[in-house]
Amino acid sequence: MLEVTQKASNAFRTFLDRSDVQGNAIKLVPERNQDGETGIGVQPIEQPDPSDVATSSPGVVVVLAAELAPMLDDAVLDARDTDTGADLFVRAQAS
């Protein structure tokens, strides 16, 4: 199961607290990049779909689109601070 760190959860909470964002949870979805490769997109949602997969996330509900779950099963979603805000990245879980 994808693990979401406290830093990533805080970044999602900040995103969801914006007045221009409608939703109370986060859904990670496949998204095609400009180079044609598949990346991960972030969508605010009100309610997960029945096919969505739950994650381990402190303080905010984060779900995965079903097609992403196998790729991120043993991963950690983390964040680092940058001059323009939080930068999310995926890394392997420690053994």
PDB file of N, CA and C in Angstrom:
ATOM      1  N   MET A   1       0.843  -1.174   0.000  1.00  0.00           N
ATOM      2  CA  MET A   1       0.000   0.000   0.000  1.00  0.00           C
ATOM      3  C   MET A   1       0.896   1.249   0.000  1.00  0.00           C
ATOM      4  N   LEU A   2       0.535   2.227  -0.834  1.00  0.00           N
ATOM      5  CA  LEU A   2       1.266   3.486  -0.866  1.00  0.00           C
ATOM      6  C   LEU A   2       1.206   4.160   0.498  1.00  0.00           C
ATOM      7  N   GLU A   3       2.350   4.608   0.964  1.00  0.00           N
ATOM      8  CA  GLU A   3       2.437   5.363   2.215  1.00  0.00           C
ATOM      9  C   GLU A   3       2.633   6.842   1.859  1.00  0.00           C
ATOM     10  N   VAL A   4       1.837   7.706   2.467  1.00  0.00           N
ATOM     11  CA  VAL A   4       1.951   9.144   2.260  1.00  0.00           C
ATOM     12  C   VAL A   4       2.549   9.741   3.530  1.00  0.00           C
ATOM     13  N   THR A   5       3.670  10.458   3.389  1.00  0.00           N
ATOM     14  CA  THR A   5       4.338  11.028   4.557  1.00  0.00           C
ATOM     15  C   THR A   5       3.559  12.217   5.115  1.00  0.00           C
ATOM     16  N   GLN A   6       3.931  12.612   6.307  1.00  0.00           N
ATOM     17  CA  GLN A   6       3.313  13.780   6.936  1.00  0.00           C
ATOM     18  C   GLN A   6       3.541  15.035   6.096  1.00  0.00           C
ATOM     19  N   LYS A   7       4.741  15.184   5.535  1.00  0.00           N
ATOM     20  CA  LYS A   7       5.022  16.361   4.695  1.00  0.00           C
ATOM     21  C   LYS A   7       4.122  16.400   3.462  1.00  0.00           C
ATOM     22  N   ALA A   8       3.921  15.261   2.816  1.00  0.00           N
ATOM     23  CA  ALA A   8       3.032  15.209   1.653  1.00  0.00           C
ATOM     24  C   ALA A   8       1.588  15.465   2.074  1.00  0.00           C
ATOM     25  N   SER A   9       1.180  14.892   3.194  1.00  0.00           N
ATOM     26  CA  SER A   9      -0.179  15.141   3.703  1.00  0.00           C
ATOM     27  C   SER A   9      -0.397  16.613   3.998  1.00  0.00           C
ATOM     28  N   ASN A  10       0.612  17.260   4.575  1.00  0.00           N
ATOM     29  CA  ASN A  10       0.510  18.701   4.859  1.00  0.00           C
ATOM     30  C   ASN A  10       0.365  19.495   3.560  1.00  0.00           C
ATOM     31  N   ALA A  11       1.101  19.100   2.524  1.00  0.00           N
ATOM     32  CA  ALA A  11       0.992  19.782   1.231  1.00  0.00           C
ATOM     33  C   ALA A  11      -0.412  19.605   0.656  1.00  0.00           C
ATOM     34  N   PHE A  12      -0.969  18.402   0.770  1.00  0.00           N
ATOM     35  CA  PHE A  12      -2.330  18.166   0.287  1.00  0.00           C
ATOM     36  C   PHE A  12      -3.344  18.974   1.086  1.00  0.00           C
ATOM     37  N   ARG A  13      -3.167  19.038   2.402  1.00  0.00           N
ATOM     38  CA  ARG A  13      -4.086  19.802   3.245  1.00  0.00           C
ATOM     39  C   ARG A  13      -4.047  21.276   2.841  1.00  0.00           C
ATOM     40  N   THR A  14      -2.857  21.828   2.605  1.00  0.00           N
ATOM     41  CA  THR A  14      -2.724  23.220   2.174  1.00  0.00           C
ATOM     42  C   THR A  14      -3.443  23.430   0.847  1.00  0.00           C
ATOM     43  N   PHE A  15      -3.296  22.481  -0.085  1.00  0.00           N
ATOM     44  CA  PHE A  15      -3.975  22.546  -1.375  1.00  0.00           C
ATOM     45  C   PHE A  15      -5.489  22.526  -1.193  1.00  0.00           C
ATOM     46  N   LEU A  16      -5.995  21.601  -0.377  1.00  0.00           N
ATOM     47  CA  LEU A  16      -7.436  21.477  -0.182  1.00  0.00           C
ATOM     48  C   LEU A  16      -8.032  22.681   0.550  1.00  0.00           C
ATOM     49  N   ASP A  17      -7.233  23.374   1.339  1.00  0.00           N
ATOM     50  CA  ASP A  17      -7.713  24.539   2.087  1.00  0.00           C
ATOM     51  C   ASP A  17      -7.834  25.802   1.234  1.00  0.00           C
ATOM     52  N   ARG A  18      -7.329  25.768   0.005  1.00  0.00           N
ATOM     53  CA  ARG A  18      -7.429  26.936  -0.876  1.00  0.00           C
ATOM     54  C   ARG A  18      -8.890  27.185  -1.249  1.00  0.00           C
ATOM     55  N   SER A  19      -9.265  28.450  -1.354  1.00  0.00           N
ATOM     56  CA  SER A  19     -10.648  28.801  -1.668  1.00  0.00           C
ATOM     57  C   SER A  19     -11.050  28.414  -3.092  1.00  0.00           C
ATOM     58  N   ASP A  20     -10.092  28.267  -3.992  1.00  0.00           N
ATOM     59  CA  ASP A  20     -10.411  27.914  -5.378  1.00  0.00           C
ATOM     60  C   ASP A  20     -10.420  26.404  -5.630  1.00  0.00           C
ATOM     61  N   VAL A  21     -10.264  25.599  -4.581  1.00  0.00           N
ATOM     62  CA  VAL A  21     -10.242  24.143  -4.718  1.00  0.00           C
ATOM     63  C   VAL A  21     -11.496  23.568  -4.063  1.00  0.00           C
ATOM     64  N   GLN A  22     -12.219  22.766  -4.817  1.00  0.00           N
ATOM     65  CA  GLN A  22     -13.420  22.106  -4.316  1.00  0.00           C
ATOM     66  C   GLN A  22     -13.119  20.637  -4.050  1.00  0.00           C
ATOM     67  N   GLY A  23     -13.208  20.232  -2.813  1.00  0.00           N
ATOM     68  CA  GLY A  23     -12.965  18.844  -2.454  1.00  0.00           C
ATOM     69  C   GLY A  23     -12.456  18.742  -1.039  1.00  0.00           C
ATOM     70  N   ASN A  24     -12.558  17.553  -0.469  1.00  0.00           N
ATOM     71  CA  ASN A  24     -12.065  17.331   0.887  1.00  0.00           C
ATOM     72  C   ASN A  24     -11.141  16.122   0.962  1.00  0.00           C
ATOM     73  N   ALA A  25     -10.787  15.585  -0.206  1.00  0.00           N
ATOM     74  CA  ALA A  25      -9.871  14.445  -0.281  1.00  0.00           C
ATOM     75  C   ALA A  25      -9.058  14.569  -1.568  1.00  0.00           C
ATOM     76  N   ILE A  26      -8.020  13.760  -1.669  1.00  0.00           N
ATOM     77  CA  ILE A  26      -7.125  13.777  -2.825  1.00  0.00           C
ATOM     78  C   ILE A  26      -7.188  12.438  -3.537  1.00  0.00           C
ATOM     79  N   LYS A  27      -7.240  12.496  -4.873  1.00  0.00           N
ATOM     80  CA  LYS A  27      -7.159  11.290  -5.686  1.00  0.00           C
ATOM     81  C   LYS A  27      -5.947  11.409  -6.594  1.00  0.00           C
ATOM     82  N   LEU A  28      -5.083  10.407  -6.559  1.00  0.00           N
ATOM     83  CA  LEU A  28      -3.922  10.341  -7.443  1.00  0.00           C
ATOM     84  C   LEU A  28      -4.339   9.561  -8.683  1.00  0.00           C
ATOM     85  N   VAL A  29      -4.120  10.164  -9.846  1.00  0.00           N
ATOM     86  CA  VAL A  29      -4.582   9.596 -11.113  1.00  0.00           C
ATOM     87  C   VAL A  29      -3.433   9.546 -12.114  1.00  0.00           C
ATOM     88  N   PRO A  30      -3.491   8.621 -13.090  1.00  0.00           N
ATOM     89  CA  PRO A  30      -2.477   8.630 -14.141  1.00  0.00           C
ATOM     90  C   PRO A  30      -2.674   9.862 -15.019  1.00  0.00           C
ATOM     91  N   GLU A  31      -1.553  10.452 -15.429  1.00  0.00           N
ATOM     92  CA  GLU A  31      -1.602  11.671 -16.240  1.00  0.00           C
ATOM     93  C   GLU A  31      -0.484  11.612 -17.258  1.00  0.00           C
ATOM     94  N   ARG A  32      -0.808  11.847 -18.503  1.00  0.00           N
ATOM     95  CA  ARG A  32       0.195  11.808 -19.563  1.00  0.00           C
ATOM     96  C   ARG A  32       1.005  13.098 -19.542  1.00  0.00           C
ATOM     97  N   ASN A  33       2.337  12.976 -19.480  1.00  0.00           N
ATOM     98  CA  ASN A  33       3.249  14.124 -19.509  1.00  0.00           C
ATOM     99  C   ASN A  33       3.443  14.605 -20.943  1.00  0.00           C
ATOM    100  N   GLN A  34       4.083  15.758 -21.095  1.00  0.00           N
ATOM    101  CA  GLN A  34       4.354  16.301 -22.430  1.00  0.00           C
ATOM    102  C   GLN A  34       5.236  15.377 -23.256  1.00  0.00           C
ATOM    103  N   ASP A  35       6.098  14.615 -22.579  1.00  0.00           N
ATOM    104  CA  ASP A  35       6.989  13.707 -23.308  1.00  0.00           C
ATOM    105  C   ASP A  35       6.320  12.370 -23.637  1.00  0.00           C
ATOM    106  N   GLY A  36       5.039  12.236 -23.322  1.00  0.00           N
ATOM    107  CA  GLY A  36       4.299  11.027 -23.645  1.00  0.00           C
ATOM    108  C   GLY A  36       4.328   9.963 -22.570  1.00  0.00           C
ATOM    109  N   GLU A  37       5.121  10.153 -21.533  1.00  0.00           N
ATOM    110  CA  GLU A  37       5.184   9.183 -20.448  1.00  0.00           C
ATOM    111  C   GLU A  37       4.057   9.442 -19.452  1.00  0.00           C
ATOM    112  N   THR A  38       3.712   8.402 -18.710  1.00  0.00           N
ATOM    113  CA  THR A  38       2.666   8.532 -17.714  1.00  0.00           C
ATOM    114  C   THR A  38       3.254   9.015 -16.402  1.00  0.00           C
ATOM    115  N   GLY A  39       2.640  10.052 -15.856  1.00  0.00           N
ATOM    116  CA  GLY A  39       3.009  10.583 -14.551  1.00  0.00           C
ATOM    117  C   GLY A  39       1.827  10.433 -13.601  1.00  0.00           C
ATOM    118  N   ILE A  40       1.896  11.137 -12.489  1.00  0.00           N
ATOM    119  CA  ILE A  40       0.842  11.082 -11.491  1.00  0.00           C
ATOM    120  C   ILE A  40       0.233  12.468 -11.352  1.00  0.00           C
ATOM    121  N   GLY A  41      -1.071  12.541 -11.534  1.00  0.00           N
ATOM    122  CA  GLY A  41      -1.799  13.785 -11.352  1.00  0.00           C
ATOM    123  C   GLY A  41      -2.529  13.784 -10.016  1.00  0.00           C
ATOM    124  N   VAL A  42      -2.854  14.965  -9.528  1.00  0.00           N
ATOM    125  CA  VAL A  42      -3.545  15.139  -8.253  1.00  0.00           C
ATOM    126  C   VAL A  42      -4.882  15.815  -8.521  1.00  0.00           C
ATOM    127  N   GLN A  43      -5.961  15.196  -8.035  1.00  0.00           N
ATOM    128  CA  GLN A  43      -7.294  15.760  -8.195  1.00  0.00           C
ATOM    129  C   GLN A  43      -7.969  15.885  -6.838  1.00  0.00           C
ATOM    130  N   PRO A  44      -8.564  17.039  -6.549  1.00  0.00           N
ATOM    131  CA  PRO A  44      -9.388  17.119  -5.346  1.00  0.00           C
ATOM    132  C   PRO A  44     -10.720  16.424  -5.617  1.00  0.00           C
ATOM    133  N   ILE A  45     -11.216  15.686  -4.654  1.00  0.00           N
ATOM    134  CA  ILE A  45     -12.489  14.981  -4.807  1.00  0.00           C
ATOM    135  C   ILE A  45     -13.320  15.154  -3.538  1.00  0.00           C
ATOM    136  N   GLU A  46     -14.622  14.958  -3.677  1.00  0.00           N
ATOM    137  CA  GLU A  46     -15.522  14.962  -2.525  1.00  0.00           C
ATOM    138  C   GLU A  46     -15.636  13.571  -1.916  1.00  0.00           C
ATOM    139  N   GLN A  47     -15.709  12.558  -2.793  1.00  0.00           N
ATOM    140  CA  GLN A  47     -15.933  11.192  -2.344  1.00  0.00           C
ATOM    141  C   GLN A  47     -15.169  10.225  -3.250  1.00  0.00           C
ATOM    142  N   PRO A  48     -14.454   9.255  -2.687  1.00  0.00           N
ATOM    143  CA  PRO A  48     -13.769   8.260  -3.522  1.00  0.00           C
ATOM    144  C   PRO A  48     -14.757   7.410  -4.310  1.00  0.00           C
ATOM    145  N   ASP A  49     -14.314   6.942  -5.470  1.00  0.00           N
ATOM    146  CA  ASP A  49     -15.081   5.976  -6.246  1.00  0.00           C
ATOM    147  C   ASP A  49     -14.927   4.602  -5.591  1.00  0.00           C
ATOM    148  N   PRO A  50     -15.892   3.713  -5.786  1.00  0.00           N
ATOM    149  CA  PRO A  50     -15.761   2.366  -5.203  1.00  0.00           C
ATOM    150  C   PRO A  50     -14.503   1.626  -5.659  1.00  0.00           C
ATOM    151  N   SER A  51     -14.001   1.928  -6.852  1.00  0.00           N
ATOM    152  CA  SER A  51     -12.808   1.233  -7.358  1.00  0.00           C
ATOM    153  C   SER A  51     -11.497   1.852  -6.869  1.00  0.00           C
ATOM    154  N   ASP A  52     -11.558   3.024  -6.229  1.00  0.00           N
ATOM    155  CA  ASP A  52     -10.337   3.666  -5.731  1.00  0.00           C
ATOM    156  C   ASP A  52      -9.711   2.836  -4.616  1.00  0.00           C
ATOM    157  N   VAL A  53      -8.393   2.967  -4.484  1.00  0.00           N
ATOM    158  CA  VAL A  53      -7.633   2.193  -3.500  1.00  0.00           C
ATOM    159  C   VAL A  53      -7.143   3.132  -2.406  1.00  0.00           C
ATOM    160  N   ALA A  54      -7.410   2.783  -1.152  1.00  0.00           N
ATOM    161  CA  ALA A  54      -7.005   3.601  -0.010  1.00  0.00           C
ATOM    162  C   ALA A  54      -5.493   3.571   0.171  1.00  0.00           C
ATOM    163  N   THR A  55      -4.962   4.619   0.796  1.00  0.00           N
ATOM    164  CA  THR A  55      -3.548   4.691   1.134  1.00  0.00           C
ATOM    165  C   THR A  55      -3.404   4.880   2.632  1.00  0.00           C
ATOM    166  N   SER A  56      -2.179   4.835   3.091  1.00  0.00           N
ATOM    167  CA  SER A  56      -1.854   5.162   4.472  1.00  0.00           C
ATOM    168  C   SER A  56      -1.421   6.620   4.493  1.00  0.00           C
ATOM    169  N   SER A  57      -2.302   7.501   4.988  1.00  0.00           N
ATOM    170  CA  SER A  57      -2.045   8.932   4.923  1.00  0.00           C
ATOM    171  C   SER A  57      -2.520   9.624   6.197  1.00  0.00           C
ATOM    172  N   PRO A  58      -1.622  10.315   6.897  1.00  0.00           N
ATOM    173  CA  PRO A  58      -2.027  11.003   8.127  1.00  0.00           C
ATOM    174  C   PRO A  58      -2.731  12.336   7.837  1.00  0.00           C
ATOM    175  N   GLY A  59      -3.928  12.512   8.392  1.00  0.00           N
ATOM    176  CA  GLY A  59      -4.565  13.822   8.381  1.00  0.00           C
ATOM    177  C   GLY A  59      -5.355  14.220   7.154  1.00  0.00           C
ATOM    178  N   VAL A  60      -5.293  13.476   6.067  1.00  0.00           N
ATOM    179  CA  VAL A  60      -6.065  13.787   4.866  1.00  0.00           C
ATOM    180  C   VAL A  60      -6.321  12.476   4.121  1.00  0.00           C
ATOM    181  N   VAL A  61      -7.510  12.355   3.549  1.00  0.00           N
ATOM    182  CA  VAL A  61      -7.844  11.154   2.791  1.00  0.00           C
ATOM    183  C   VAL A  61      -7.170  11.241   1.421  1.00  0.00           C
ATOM    184  N   VAL A  62      -6.364  10.232   1.100  1.00  0.00           N
ATOM    185  CA  VAL A  62      -5.700  10.130  -0.198  1.00  0.00           C
ATOM    186  C   VAL A  62      -6.011   8.751  -0.758  1.00  0.00           C
ATOM    187  N   VAL A  63      -6.522   8.717  -1.985  1.00  0.00           N
ATOM    188  CA  VAL A  63      -6.828   7.458  -2.650  1.00  0.00           C
ATOM    189  C   VAL A  63      -6.119   7.416  -3.993  1.00  0.00           C
ATOM    190  N   LEU A  64      -5.968   6.210  -4.506  1.00  0.00           N
ATOM    191  CA  LEU A  64      -5.342   5.995  -5.815  1.00  0.00           C
ATOM    192  C   LEU A  64      -6.389   5.526  -6.803  1.00  0.00           C
ATOM    193  N   ALA A  65      -6.314   6.010  -8.026  1.00  0.00           N
ATOM    194  CA  ALA A  65      -7.084   5.401  -9.098  1.00  0.00           C
ATOM    195  C   ALA A  65      -6.620   3.948  -9.186  1.00  0.00           C
ATOM    196  N   ALA A  66      -7.545   3.042  -9.429  1.00  0.00           N
ATOM    197  CA  ALA A  66      -7.235   1.609  -9.398  1.00  0.00           C
ATOM    198  C   ALA A  66      -6.054   1.230 -10.286  1.00  0.00           C
ATOM    199  N   GLU A  67      -5.905   1.892 -11.449  1.00  0.00           N
ATOM    200  CA  GLU A  67      -4.820   1.528 -12.359  1.00  0.00           C
ATOM    201  C   GLU A  67      -3.440   1.934 -11.848  1.00  0.00           C
ATOM    202  N   LEU A  68      -3.371   2.846 -10.870  1.00  0.00           N
ATOM    203  CA  LEU A  68      -2.078   3.244 -10.291  1.00  0.00           C
ATOM    204  C   LEU A  68      -1.645   2.346  -9.135  1.00  0.00           C
ATOM    205  N   ALA A  69      -2.591   1.720  -8.489  1.00  0.00           N
ATOM    206  CA  ALA A  69      -2.297   0.969  -7.265  1.00  0.00           C
ATOM    207  C   ALA A  69      -1.179  -0.058  -7.421  1.00  0.00           C
ATOM    208  N   PRO A  70      -1.159  -0.894  -8.465  1.00  0.00           N
ATOM    209  CA  PRO A  70      -0.081  -1.884  -8.568  1.00  0.00           C
ATOM    210  C   PRO A  70       1.307  -1.253  -8.697  1.00  0.00           C
ATOM    211  N   MET A  71       1.398  -0.120  -9.386  1.00  0.00           N
ATOM    212  CA  MET A  71       2.699   0.531  -9.587  1.00  0.00           C
ATOM    213  C   MET A  71       3.230   1.179  -8.310  1.00  0.00           C
ATOM    214  N   LEU A  72       2.335   1.561  -7.406  1.00  0.00           N
ATOM    215  CA  LEU A  72       2.741   2.306  -6.216  1.00  0.00           C
ATOM    216  C   LEU A  72       2.577   1.500  -4.935  1.00  0.00           C
ATOM    217  N   ASP A  73       2.398   0.195  -5.059  1.00  0.00           N
ATOM    218  CA  ASP A  73       2.112  -0.642  -3.901  1.00  0.00           C
ATOM    219  C   ASP A  73       3.183  -0.565  -2.821  1.00  0.00           C
ATOM    220  N   ASP A  74       4.449  -0.550  -3.192  1.00  0.00           N
ATOM    221  CA  ASP A  74       5.546  -0.519  -2.218  1.00  0.00           C
ATOM    222  C   ASP A  74       6.290   0.809  -2.263  1.00  0.00           C
ATOM    223  N   ALA A  75       5.552   1.907  -2.413  1.00  0.00           N
ATOM    224  CA  ALA A  75       6.176   3.224  -2.554  1.00  0.00           C
ATOM    225  C   ALA A  75       5.752   4.160  -1.431  1.00  0.00           C
ATOM    226  N   VAL A  76       6.504   5.251  -1.341  1.00  0.00           N
ATOM    227  CA  VAL A  76       6.216   6.324  -0.385  1.00  0.00           C
ATOM    228  C   VAL A  76       6.073   7.606  -1.188  1.00  0.00           C
ATOM    229  N   LEU A  77       5.001   8.342  -0.932  1.00  0.00           N
ATOM    230  CA  LEU A  77       4.824   9.656  -1.530  1.00  0.00           C
ATOM    231  C   LEU A  77       5.276  10.677  -0.497  1.00  0.00           C
ATOM    232  N   ASP A  78       6.279  11.461  -0.850  1.00  0.00           N
ATOM    233  CA  ASP A  78       6.881  12.414   0.074  1.00  0.00           C
ATOM    234  C   ASP A  78       6.867  13.802  -0.557  1.00  0.00           C
ATOM    235  N   ALA A  79       7.288  14.794   0.193  1.00  0.00           N
ATOM    236  CA  ALA A  79       7.346  16.170  -0.312  1.00  0.00           C
ATOM    237  C   ALA A  79       8.576  16.859   0.247  1.00  0.00           C
ATOM    238  N   ARG A  80       9.075  17.810  -0.537  1.00  0.00           N
ATOM    239  CA  ARG A  80      10.163  18.669  -0.059  1.00  0.00           C
ATOM    240  C   ARG A  80       9.765  20.101  -0.367  1.00  0.00           C
ATOM    241  N   ASP A  81      10.211  21.014   0.470  1.00  0.00           N
ATOM    242  CA  ASP A  81       9.900  22.424   0.286  1.00  0.00           C
ATOM    243  C   ASP A  81      10.790  23.030  -0.791  1.00  0.00           C
ATOM    244  N   THR A  82      10.174  23.852  -1.634  1.00  0.00           N
ATOM    245  CA  THR A  82      10.914  24.590  -2.658  1.00  0.00           C
ATOM    246  C   THR A  82      10.497  26.058  -2.562  1.00  0.00           C
ATOM    247  N   ASP A  83      11.125  26.914  -3.349  1.00  0.00           N
ATOM    248  CA  ASP A  83      10.769  28.330  -3.353  1.00  0.00           C
ATOM    249  C   ASP A  83       9.350  28.571  -3.851  1.00  0.00           C
ATOM    250  N   THR A  84       8.815  27.630  -4.621  1.00  0.00           N
ATOM    251  CA  THR A  84       7.476  27.794  -5.185  1.00  0.00           C
ATOM    252  C   THR A  84       6.433  26.927  -4.495  1.00  0.00           C
ATOM    253  N   GLY A  85       6.790  26.289  -3.403  1.00  0.00           N
ATOM    254  CA  GLY A  85       5.851  25.431  -2.675  1.00  0.00           C
ATOM    255  C   GLY A  85       6.393  24.031  -2.538  1.00  0.00           C
ATOM    256  N   ALA A  86       5.491  23.097  -2.262  1.00  0.00           N
ATOM    257  CA  ALA A  86       5.897  21.706  -2.051  1.00  0.00           C
ATOM    258  C   ALA A  86       6.120  21.004  -3.389  1.00  0.00           C
ATOM    259  N   ASP A  87       7.160  20.185  -3.428  1.00  0.00           N
ATOM    260  CA  ASP A  87       7.474  19.352  -4.588  1.00  0.00           C
ATOM    261  C   ASP A  87       7.253  17.911  -4.158  1.00  0.00           C
ATOM    262  N   LEU A  88       6.273  17.244  -4.747  1.00  0.00           N
ATOM    263  CA  LEU A  88       5.974  15.866  -4.407  1.00  0.00           C
ATOM    264  C   LEU A  88       6.840  14.911  -5.193  1.00  0.00           C
ATOM    265  N   PHE A  89       7.243  13.812  -4.586  1.00  0.00           N
ATOM    266  CA  PHE A  89       8.034  12.797  -5.276  1.00  0.00           C
ATOM    267  C   PHE A  89       7.743  11.424  -4.668  1.00  0.00           C
ATOM    268  N   VAL A  90       7.992  10.392  -5.463  1.00  0.00           N
ATOM    269  CA  VAL A  90       7.770   9.017  -5.043  1.00  0.00           C
ATOM    270  C   VAL A  90       9.126   8.357  -4.830  1.00  0.00           C
ATOM    271  N   ARG A  91       9.230   7.584  -3.745  1.00  0.00           N
ATOM    272  CA  ARG A  91      10.447   6.821  -3.468  1.00  0.00           C
ATOM    273  C   ARG A  91      10.051   5.436  -2.964  1.00  0.00           C
ATOM    274  N   ALA A  92      11.002   4.532  -2.950  1.00  0.00           N
ATOM    275  CA  ALA A  92      10.741   3.173  -2.482  1.00  0.00           C
ATOM    276  C   ALA A  92      10.612   3.165  -0.960  1.00  0.00           C
ATOM    277  N   GLN A  93       9.781   2.259  -0.448  1.00  0.00           N
ATOM    278  CA  GLN A  93       9.669   2.077   0.997  1.00  0.00           C
ATOM    279  C   GLN A  93      10.928   1.410   1.516  1.00  0.00           C
ATOM    280  N   ALA A  94      11.333   1.796   2.705  1.00  0.00           N
ATOM    281  CA  ALA A  94      12.499   1.159   3.336  1.00  0.00           C
ATOM    282  C   ALA A  94      12.138  -0.275   3.695  1.00  0.00           C
ATOM    283  N   SER A  95      13.074  -1.180   3.530  1.00  0.00           N
ATOM    284  CA  SER A  95      12.831  -2.605   3.832  1.00  0.00           C
ATOM    285  C   SER A  95      12.886  -2.859   5.295  1.00  0.00           C
TER     286      SER A  95
END
